[in-house]
Amino acid sequence: MAARFYAAVLLVLGSFSTIVSGKCPCEDPSLCEPIARPQGKEFLMFSTKPNVWRKYDWTKVTTIALFRPWDDELMCEAHKRGVRVVFGSKLSNRKAGQ
């Protein structure tokens, strides 16, 4: 069930930067395509502050959830390394339980 949800989110948000700006911000335009990878273990990182992602262990990370404004540079670097980037969402406890 969670894998299907992730797949739907990734299809919608995978090319978010391209949808918003109309062009790919990466040097290699193929990096703006959604990441396709077989199902397996996930190692999710949460990005809440700019530039901390530069210290991530890219050999372990599979998905980065942004809880801050979109970052083209992060998306290009993550996709270059085969890592997905998705938006996180803040829900109140009351809404999450419904």
C-alpha atoms as a PDB file:
ATOM      1  CA  MET A   1       0.000   0.000   0.000  1.00  0.00           C
ATOM      2  CA  ALA A   2       2.765   2.460   0.961  1.00  0.00           C
ATOM      3  CA  ALA A   3       4.692   1.596  -2.204  1.00  0.00           C
ATOM      4  CA  ARG A   4       1.685   2.522  -4.355  1.00  0.00           C
ATOM      5  CA  PHE A   5       1.303   5.805  -2.502  1.00  0.00           C
ATOM      6  CA  TYR A   6       4.999   6.618  -3.023  1.00  0.00           C
ATOM      7  CA  ALA A   7       4.712   5.748  -6.702  1.00  0.00           C
ATOM      8  CA  ALA A   8       1.736   8.094  -7.136  1.00  0.00           C
ATOM      9  CA  VAL A   9       3.470  10.907  -5.264  1.00  0.00           C
ATOM     10  CA  LEU A  10       6.651  10.439  -7.280  1.00  0.00           C
ATOM     11  CA  LEU A  11       4.816  10.531 -10.588  1.00  0.00           C
ATOM     12  CA  VAL A  12       3.136  13.779  -9.614  1.00  0.00           C
ATOM     13  CA  LEU A  13       6.124  15.475  -8.019  1.00  0.00           C
ATOM     14  CA  GLY A  14       9.014  13.849  -9.862  1.00  0.00           C
ATOM     15  CA  SER A  15       9.219  16.628 -12.427  1.00  0.00           C
ATOM     16  CA  PHE A  16       7.841  19.429 -10.247  1.00  0.00           C
ATOM     17  CA  SER A  17      10.616  21.865 -11.097  1.00  0.00           C
ATOM     18  CA  THR A  18      10.112  21.341 -14.816  1.00  0.00           C
ATOM     19  CA  ILE A  19       6.348  21.807 -14.487  1.00  0.00           C
ATOM     20  CA  VAL A  20       6.710  25.060 -12.551  1.00  0.00           C
ATOM     21  CA  SER A  21       9.483  26.688 -14.553  1.00  0.00           C
ATOM     22  CA  GLY A  22       8.842  25.115 -17.941  1.00  0.00           C
ATOM     23  CA  LYS A  23      12.478  24.062 -18.366  1.00  0.00           C
ATOM     24  CA  CYS A  24      14.890  21.741 -16.621  1.00  0.00           C
ATOM     25  CA  PRO A  25      17.336  23.518 -14.267  1.00  0.00           C
ATOM     26  CA  CYS A  26      19.873  20.667 -14.487  1.00  0.00           C
ATOM     27  CA  GLU A  27      22.838  20.591 -16.874  1.00  0.00           C
ATOM     28  CA  ASP A  28      21.591  17.203 -18.104  1.00  0.00           C
ATOM     29  CA  PRO A  29      17.853  17.455 -18.964  1.00  0.00           C
ATOM     30  CA  SER A  30      17.385  13.732 -18.295  1.00  0.00           C
ATOM     31  CA  LEU A  31      17.881  14.502 -14.584  1.00  0.00           C
ATOM     32  CA  CYS A  32      14.453  16.169 -14.542  1.00  0.00           C
ATOM     33  CA  GLU A  33      12.750  12.863 -15.295  1.00  0.00           C
ATOM     34  CA  PRO A  34      11.243  10.858 -12.398  1.00  0.00           C
ATOM     35  CA  ILE A  35      13.576   8.285 -10.857  1.00  0.00           C
ATOM     36  CA  ALA A  36      12.654   4.722 -11.843  1.00  0.00           C
ATOM     37  CA  ARG A  37      13.964   2.067  -9.489  1.00  0.00           C
ATOM     38  CA  PRO A  38      12.671  -1.378  -8.515  1.00  0.00           C
ATOM     39  CA  GLN A  39      10.978  -1.715  -5.144  1.00  0.00           C
ATOM     40  CA  GLY A  40      13.241  -2.446  -2.217  1.00  0.00           C
ATOM     41  CA  LYS A  41      14.422  -1.001   1.052  1.00  0.00           C
ATOM     42  CA  GLU A  42      13.966   2.743   1.465  1.00  0.00           C
ATOM     43  CA  PHE A  43      16.223   5.115   3.387  1.00  0.00           C
ATOM     44  CA  LEU A  44      14.297   8.358   3.726  1.00  0.00           C
ATOM     45  CA  MET A  45      16.011  11.635   4.636  1.00  0.00           C
ATOM     46  CA  PHE A  46      14.088  14.690   5.794  1.00  0.00           C
ATOM     47  CA  SER A  47      15.361  18.033   4.497  1.00  0.00           C
ATOM     48  CA  THR A  48      14.317  20.975   6.676  1.00  0.00           C
ATOM     49  CA  LYS A  49      17.310  23.301   6.215  1.00  0.00           C
ATOM     50  CA  PRO A  50      19.139  24.385   3.048  1.00  0.00           C
ATOM     51  CA  ASN A  51      22.578  22.938   2.205  1.00  0.00           C
ATOM     52  CA  VAL A  52      22.561  20.190   4.873  1.00  0.00           C
ATOM     53  CA  TRP A  53      21.892  17.753   2.035  1.00  0.00           C
ATOM     54  CA  ARG A  54      25.462  18.307   0.832  1.00  0.00           C
ATOM     55  CA  LYS A  55      26.620  16.137   3.766  1.00  0.00           C
ATOM     56  CA  TYR A  56      24.249  13.206   3.110  1.00  0.00           C
ATOM     57  CA  ASP A  57      25.685   9.737   2.623  1.00  0.00           C
ATOM     58  CA  TRP A  58      24.457   9.351  -0.944  1.00  0.00           C
ATOM     59  CA  THR A  59      25.280   5.619  -0.944  1.00  0.00           C
ATOM     60  CA  LYS A  60      22.426   5.029   1.548  1.00  0.00           C
ATOM     61  CA  VAL A  61      19.747   7.618   0.727  1.00  0.00           C
ATOM     62  CA  THR A  62      16.900   6.521  -1.575  1.00  0.00           C
ATOM     63  CA  THR A  63      14.383   9.372  -1.058  1.00  0.00           C
ATOM     64  CA  ILE A  64      14.582  12.925   0.295  1.00  0.00           C
ATOM     65  CA  ALA A  65      11.406  14.533   1.681  1.00  0.00           C
ATOM     66  CA  LEU A  66      11.489  18.331   1.532  1.00  0.00           C
ATOM     67  CA  PHE A  67       9.858  20.161   4.430  1.00  0.00           C
ATOM     68  CA  ARG A  68      10.965  23.532   3.042  1.00  0.00           C
ATOM     69  CA  PRO A  69      10.833  25.375  -0.310  1.00  0.00           C
ATOM     70  CA  TRP A  70      11.799  23.505  -3.472  1.00  0.00           C
ATOM     71  CA  ASP A  71      15.531  23.364  -4.247  1.00  0.00           C
ATOM     72  CA  ASP A  72      16.528  22.842  -7.905  1.00  0.00           C
ATOM     73  CA  GLU A  73      20.177  22.195  -7.037  1.00  0.00           C
ATOM     74  CA  LEU A  74      19.219  19.479  -4.550  1.00  0.00           C
ATOM     75  CA  MET A  75      16.886  17.841  -7.070  1.00  0.00           C
ATOM     76  CA  CYS A  76      19.563  17.784  -9.784  1.00  0.00           C
ATOM     77  CA  GLU A  77      22.190  16.317  -7.430  1.00  0.00           C
ATOM     78  CA  ALA A  78      19.771  13.772  -5.974  1.00  0.00           C
ATOM     79  CA  HIS A  79      18.566  12.610  -9.386  1.00  0.00           C
ATOM     80  CA  LYS A  80      22.180  12.384 -10.595  1.00  0.00           C
ATOM     81  CA  ARG A  81      22.712   9.895  -7.765  1.00  0.00           C
ATOM     82  CA  GLY A  82      19.431   8.003  -8.352  1.00  0.00           C
ATOM     83  CA  VAL A  83      17.691   9.514  -5.304  1.00  0.00           C
ATOM     84  CA  ARG A  84      14.050  10.617  -5.370  1.00  0.00           C
ATOM     85  CA  VAL A  85      12.916  14.017  -4.051  1.00  0.00           C
ATOM     86  CA  VAL A  86       9.377  14.484  -2.731  1.00  0.00           C
ATOM     87  CA  PHE A  87       7.528  17.131  -0.741  1.00  0.00           C
ATOM     88  CA  GLY A  88       6.720  16.474   2.895  1.00  0.00           C
ATOM     89  CA  SER A  89       3.505  17.773   4.396  1.00  0.00           C
ATOM     90  CA  LYS A  90       2.649  19.046   7.831  1.00  0.00           C
ATOM     91  CA  LEU A  91      -0.693  17.719   9.103  1.00  0.00           C
ATOM     92  CA  SER A  92      -2.287  18.503  12.395  1.00  0.00           C
ATOM     93  CA  ASN A  93      -2.912  15.518  14.671  1.00  0.00           C
ATOM     94  CA  ARG A  94      -6.646  16.055  14.265  1.00  0.00           C
ATOM     95  CA  LYS A  95      -6.479  15.926  10.451  1.00  0.00           C
ATOM     96  CA  ALA A  96      -4.069  12.989  10.382  1.00  0.00           C
ATOM     97  CA  GLY A  97      -6.506  10.845  12.364  1.00  0.00           C
ATOM     98  CA  GLN A  98      -9.407  11.389   9.943  1.00  0.00           C
END
